[in-house]
Amino acid sequence: MQLEVKINLILHATEDENKVLEKLEENFGIEQKDFQIEQIPGHFNNPILLISSQLKRKSAHNFVSLFFSKMKKDEFQEIFDDVENFVTSSGLSLRISKQKLVSGILTISKEDTIKINISTPVYVKNEKKKIYQELMKM
């Protein structure tokens, strides 16, 4: 199955870049060298880091497998059952809590998040649900 994963997050000056990147590596096996980091000036010229990574092939498969295996069972089931509500034109769009991840907990969140987009080709529109549910069971 052709698969691509995009990870995006924003770190403010008060957040520890190394701690967040270490937790991403520890939990999902993404090495720090696989992240692109861009520094931009924020409000009052505080530094803001835009951090992103794009995984393909085996590393994308490994990430997806680890990601869903570490997810809380009730959150996994909620996403699995309502997967069409999480699928956008660019793929399965999820957001996890950055602060909870640093504490060792993988949980879905809407605030202060790490954005994760998992995409695979869907050739027949009405098969989206089935394809993404299969992907979640990898």
C-alpha atoms as a PDB file:
ATOM      1  CA  MET A   1       0.000   0.000   0.000  1.00  0.00           C
ATOM      2  CA  GLN A   2       1.399   3.386  -1.015  1.00  0.00           C
ATOM      3  CA  LEU A   3       1.539   5.589   2.060  1.00  0.00           C
ATOM      4  CA  GLU A   4       2.748   9.040   3.086  1.00  0.00           C
ATOM      5  CA  VAL A   5       2.756  10.690   6.517  1.00  0.00           C
ATOM      6  CA  LYS A   6       3.238  14.408   7.169  1.00  0.00           C
ATOM      7  CA  ILE A   7       3.938  15.671  10.663  1.00  0.00           C
ATOM      8  CA  ASN A   8       3.797  19.383  11.510  1.00  0.00           C
ATOM      9  CA  LEU A   9       4.135  21.250  14.773  1.00  0.00           C
ATOM     10  CA  ILE A  10       4.901  24.691  16.115  1.00  0.00           C
ATOM     11  CA  LEU A  11       7.189  25.261  19.089  1.00  0.00           C
ATOM     12  CA  HIS A  12       7.245  28.525  20.972  1.00  0.00           C
ATOM     13  CA  ALA A  13      10.286  29.992  22.735  1.00  0.00           C
ATOM     14  CA  THR A  14       9.145  28.560  26.075  1.00  0.00           C
ATOM     15  CA  GLU A  15       9.042  24.968  24.771  1.00  0.00           C
ATOM     16  CA  ASP A  16      11.993  22.595  24.713  1.00  0.00           C
ATOM     17  CA  GLU A  17      12.699  21.586  21.104  1.00  0.00           C
ATOM     18  CA  ASN A  18      14.956  18.675  22.059  1.00  0.00           C
ATOM     19  CA  LYS A  19      12.452  17.214  24.503  1.00  0.00           C
ATOM     20  CA  VAL A  20       9.667  17.174  21.894  1.00  0.00           C
ATOM     21  CA  LEU A  21      11.887  15.741  19.153  1.00  0.00           C
ATOM     22  CA  GLU A  22      13.251  13.084  21.540  1.00  0.00           C
ATOM     23  CA  LYS A  23       9.708  11.995  22.411  1.00  0.00           C
ATOM     24  CA  LEU A  24       8.777  11.766  18.723  1.00  0.00           C
ATOM     25  CA  GLU A  25      11.851   9.603  18.131  1.00  0.00           C
ATOM     26  CA  GLU A  26      11.239   7.502  21.239  1.00  0.00           C
ATOM     27  CA  ASN A  27       7.565   6.872  20.417  1.00  0.00           C
ATOM     28  CA  PHE A  28       7.631   6.627  16.634  1.00  0.00           C
ATOM     29  CA  GLY A  29      11.240   6.003  15.603  1.00  0.00           C
ATOM     30  CA  ILE A  30      11.563   9.273  13.665  1.00  0.00           C
ATOM     31  CA  GLU A  31      15.125  10.483  13.955  1.00  0.00           C
ATOM     32  CA  GLN A  32      15.766  14.156  14.615  1.00  0.00           C
ATOM     33  CA  LYS A  33      17.634  14.445  11.308  1.00  0.00           C
ATOM     34  CA  ASP A  34      14.363  13.573   9.528  1.00  0.00           C
ATOM     35  CA  PHE A  35      12.753  16.834  10.688  1.00  0.00           C
ATOM     36  CA  GLN A  36      13.012  20.157   8.894  1.00  0.00           C
ATOM     37  CA  ILE A  37      13.172  23.101  11.277  1.00  0.00           C
ATOM     38  CA  GLU A  38      12.480  26.686  10.268  1.00  0.00           C
ATOM     39  CA  GLN A  39      12.769  29.569  12.718  1.00  0.00           C
ATOM     40  CA  ILE A  40      10.463  32.548  12.270  1.00  0.00           C
ATOM     41  CA  PRO A  41       9.875  35.629  14.446  1.00  0.00           C
ATOM     42  CA  GLY A  42       6.707  35.511  16.513  1.00  0.00           C
ATOM     43  CA  HIS A  43       4.814  38.059  18.528  1.00  0.00           C
ATOM     44  CA  PHE A  44       7.264  40.543  20.112  1.00  0.00           C
ATOM     45  CA  ASN A  45       9.982  38.871  17.982  1.00  0.00           C
ATOM     46  CA  ASN A  46       9.991  35.724  20.125  1.00  0.00           C
ATOM     47  CA  PRO A  47      11.440  32.833  18.113  1.00  0.00           C
ATOM     48  CA  ILE A  48       8.935  30.288  16.814  1.00  0.00           C
ATOM     49  CA  LEU A  49      10.027  26.986  15.309  1.00  0.00           C
ATOM     50  CA  LEU A  50       8.058  25.384  12.500  1.00  0.00           C
ATOM     51  CA  ILE A  51       8.959  21.688  12.561  1.00  0.00           C
ATOM     52  CA  SER A  52       7.897  19.229   9.889  1.00  0.00           C
ATOM     53  CA  SER A  53       8.671  15.792   8.547  1.00  0.00           C
ATOM     54  CA  GLN A  54       7.462  13.791   5.583  1.00  0.00           C
ATOM     55  CA  LEU A  55       7.668  10.004   5.781  1.00  0.00           C
ATOM     56  CA  LYS A  56       7.308   7.640   2.865  1.00  0.00           C
ATOM     57  CA  ARG A  57       7.493   3.925   2.191  1.00  0.00           C
ATOM     58  CA  LYS A  58       8.745   1.794   5.086  1.00  0.00           C
ATOM     59  CA  SER A  59       9.163   4.670   7.555  1.00  0.00           C
ATOM     60  CA  ALA A  60       5.548   5.770   6.897  1.00  0.00           C
ATOM     61  CA  HIS A  61       4.297   2.201   7.430  1.00  0.00           C
ATOM     62  CA  ASN A  62       6.314   1.902  10.656  1.00  0.00           C
ATOM     63  CA  PHE A  63       4.933   5.214  11.917  1.00  0.00           C
ATOM     64  CA  VAL A  64       1.307   4.293  11.190  1.00  0.00           C
ATOM     65  CA  SER A  65       1.682   0.920  12.874  1.00  0.00           C
ATOM     66  CA  LEU A  66       3.289   2.420  15.995  1.00  0.00           C
ATOM     67  CA  PHE A  67       0.927   5.391  16.083  1.00  0.00           C
ATOM     68  CA  PHE A  68      -2.294   3.376  16.164  1.00  0.00           C
ATOM     69  CA  SER A  69      -0.857   0.716  18.505  1.00  0.00           C
ATOM     70  CA  LYS A  70       0.017   3.410  21.089  1.00  0.00           C
ATOM     71  CA  MET A  71      -3.335   5.171  20.872  1.00  0.00           C
ATOM     72  CA  LYS A  72      -5.855   4.785  23.694  1.00  0.00           C
ATOM     73  CA  LYS A  73      -8.357   2.060  22.796  1.00  0.00           C
ATOM     74  CA  ASP A  74     -11.423   4.305  23.149  1.00  0.00           C
ATOM     75  CA  GLU A  75      -9.878   7.056  20.983  1.00  0.00           C
ATOM     76  CA  PHE A  76      -8.809   4.499  18.386  1.00  0.00           C
ATOM     77  CA  GLN A  77     -12.353   3.104  18.296  1.00  0.00           C
ATOM     78  CA  GLU A  78     -13.872   6.575  17.985  1.00  0.00           C
ATOM     79  CA  ILE A  79     -11.643   7.420  15.008  1.00  0.00           C
ATOM     80  CA  PHE A  80     -12.139   3.964  13.477  1.00  0.00           C
ATOM     81  CA  ASP A  81     -15.935   4.173  13.722  1.00  0.00           C
ATOM     82  CA  ASP A  82     -16.116   7.768  12.428  1.00  0.00           C
ATOM     83  CA  VAL A  83     -13.110   7.696  10.108  1.00  0.00           C
ATOM     84  CA  GLU A  84     -14.938   9.583   7.352  1.00  0.00           C
ATOM     85  CA  ASN A  85     -15.139  12.605   9.714  1.00  0.00           C
ATOM     86  CA  PHE A  86     -11.328  12.632   9.987  1.00  0.00           C
ATOM     87  CA  VAL A  87     -10.613  12.155   6.275  1.00  0.00           C
ATOM     88  CA  THR A  88     -10.035  15.328   4.275  1.00  0.00           C
ATOM     89  CA  SER A  89      -9.097  15.730   0.632  1.00  0.00           C
ATOM     90  CA  SER A  90      -5.460  15.270   1.665  1.00  0.00           C
ATOM     91  CA  GLY A  91      -5.905  12.160   3.834  1.00  0.00           C
ATOM     92  CA  LEU A  92      -6.577  11.096   7.415  1.00  0.00           C
ATOM     93  CA  SER A  93      -6.064  14.259   9.449  1.00  0.00           C
ATOM     94  CA  LEU A  94      -5.378  13.843  13.170  1.00  0.00           C
ATOM     95  CA  ARG A  95      -4.065  16.095  15.935  1.00  0.00           C
ATOM     96  CA  ILE A  96      -2.378  14.844  19.081  1.00  0.00           C
ATOM     97  CA  SER A  97      -1.497  16.743  22.222  1.00  0.00           C
ATOM     98  CA  LYS A  98       2.092  17.959  22.201  1.00  0.00           C
ATOM     99  CA  GLN A  99       2.216  18.372  25.998  1.00  0.00           C
ATOM    100  CA  LYS A 100       0.733  14.938  26.701  1.00  0.00           C
ATOM    101  CA  LEU A 101       3.196  13.318  24.267  1.00  0.00           C
ATOM    102  CA  VAL A 102       6.091  14.875  26.205  1.00  0.00           C
ATOM    103  CA  SER A 103       4.545  13.219  29.290  1.00  0.00           C
ATOM    104  CA  GLY A 104       4.473   9.889  27.462  1.00  0.00           C
ATOM    105  CA  ILE A 105       0.747   9.834  26.604  1.00  0.00           C
ATOM    106  CA  LEU A 106      -0.647   9.716  23.073  1.00  0.00           C
ATOM    107  CA  THR A 107      -4.026  11.433  22.990  1.00  0.00           C
ATOM    108  CA  ILE A 108      -6.163  13.270  20.447  1.00  0.00           C
ATOM    109  CA  SER A 109      -6.471  17.008  21.101  1.00  0.00           C
ATOM    110  CA  LYS A 110      -7.586  20.273  19.534  1.00  0.00           C
ATOM    111  CA  GLU A 111      -5.215  22.603  21.398  1.00  0.00           C
ATOM    112  CA  ASP A 112      -1.409  22.865  21.240  1.00  0.00           C
ATOM    113  CA  THR A 113      -1.181  19.955  18.834  1.00  0.00           C
ATOM    114  CA  ILE A 114       1.074  17.990  16.588  1.00  0.00           C
ATOM    115  CA  LYS A 115      -0.696  17.697  13.248  1.00  0.00           C
ATOM    116  CA  ILE A 116      -0.487  14.325  11.553  1.00  0.00           C
ATOM    117  CA  ASN A 117      -1.740  13.680   8.041  1.00  0.00           C
ATOM    118  CA  ILE A 118      -1.748  10.109   6.771  1.00  0.00           C
ATOM    119  CA  SER A 119      -2.504   9.707   3.085  1.00  0.00           C
ATOM    120  CA  THR A 120      -2.867   6.850   0.670  1.00  0.00           C
ATOM    121  CA  PRO A 121      -4.381   6.846  -2.806  1.00  0.00           C
ATOM    122  CA  VAL A 122      -8.135   6.231  -2.913  1.00  0.00           C
ATOM    123  CA  TYR A 123      -9.282   5.542  -6.448  1.00  0.00           C
ATOM    124  CA  VAL A 124     -12.981   4.987  -5.730  1.00  0.00           C
ATOM    125  CA  LYS A 125     -14.451   7.753  -3.553  1.00  0.00           C
ATOM    126  CA  ASN A 126     -16.962   5.567  -1.722  1.00  0.00           C
ATOM    127  CA  GLU A 127     -14.143   3.221  -0.591  1.00  0.00           C
ATOM    128  CA  LYS A 128     -12.418   5.916   1.540  1.00  0.00           C
ATOM    129  CA  LYS A 129     -13.848   4.610   4.811  1.00  0.00           C
ATOM    130  CA  LYS A 130     -12.869   1.011   4.100  1.00  0.00           C
ATOM    131  CA  ILE A 131      -9.346   1.907   2.945  1.00  0.00           C
ATOM    132  CA  TYR A 132      -8.554   4.118   5.936  1.00  0.00           C
ATOM    133  CA  GLN A 133     -10.026   1.588   8.369  1.00  0.00           C
ATOM    134  CA  GLU A 134      -7.763  -1.083   6.844  1.00  0.00           C
ATOM    135  CA  LEU A 135      -4.844   1.291   7.216  1.00  0.00           C
ATOM    136  CA  MET A 136      -5.613   1.794  10.915  1.00  0.00           C
ATOM    137  CA  LYS A 137      -5.464  -1.981  11.489  1.00  0.00           C
ATOM    138  CA  MET A 138      -1.952  -2.370  10.009  1.00  0.00           C
END
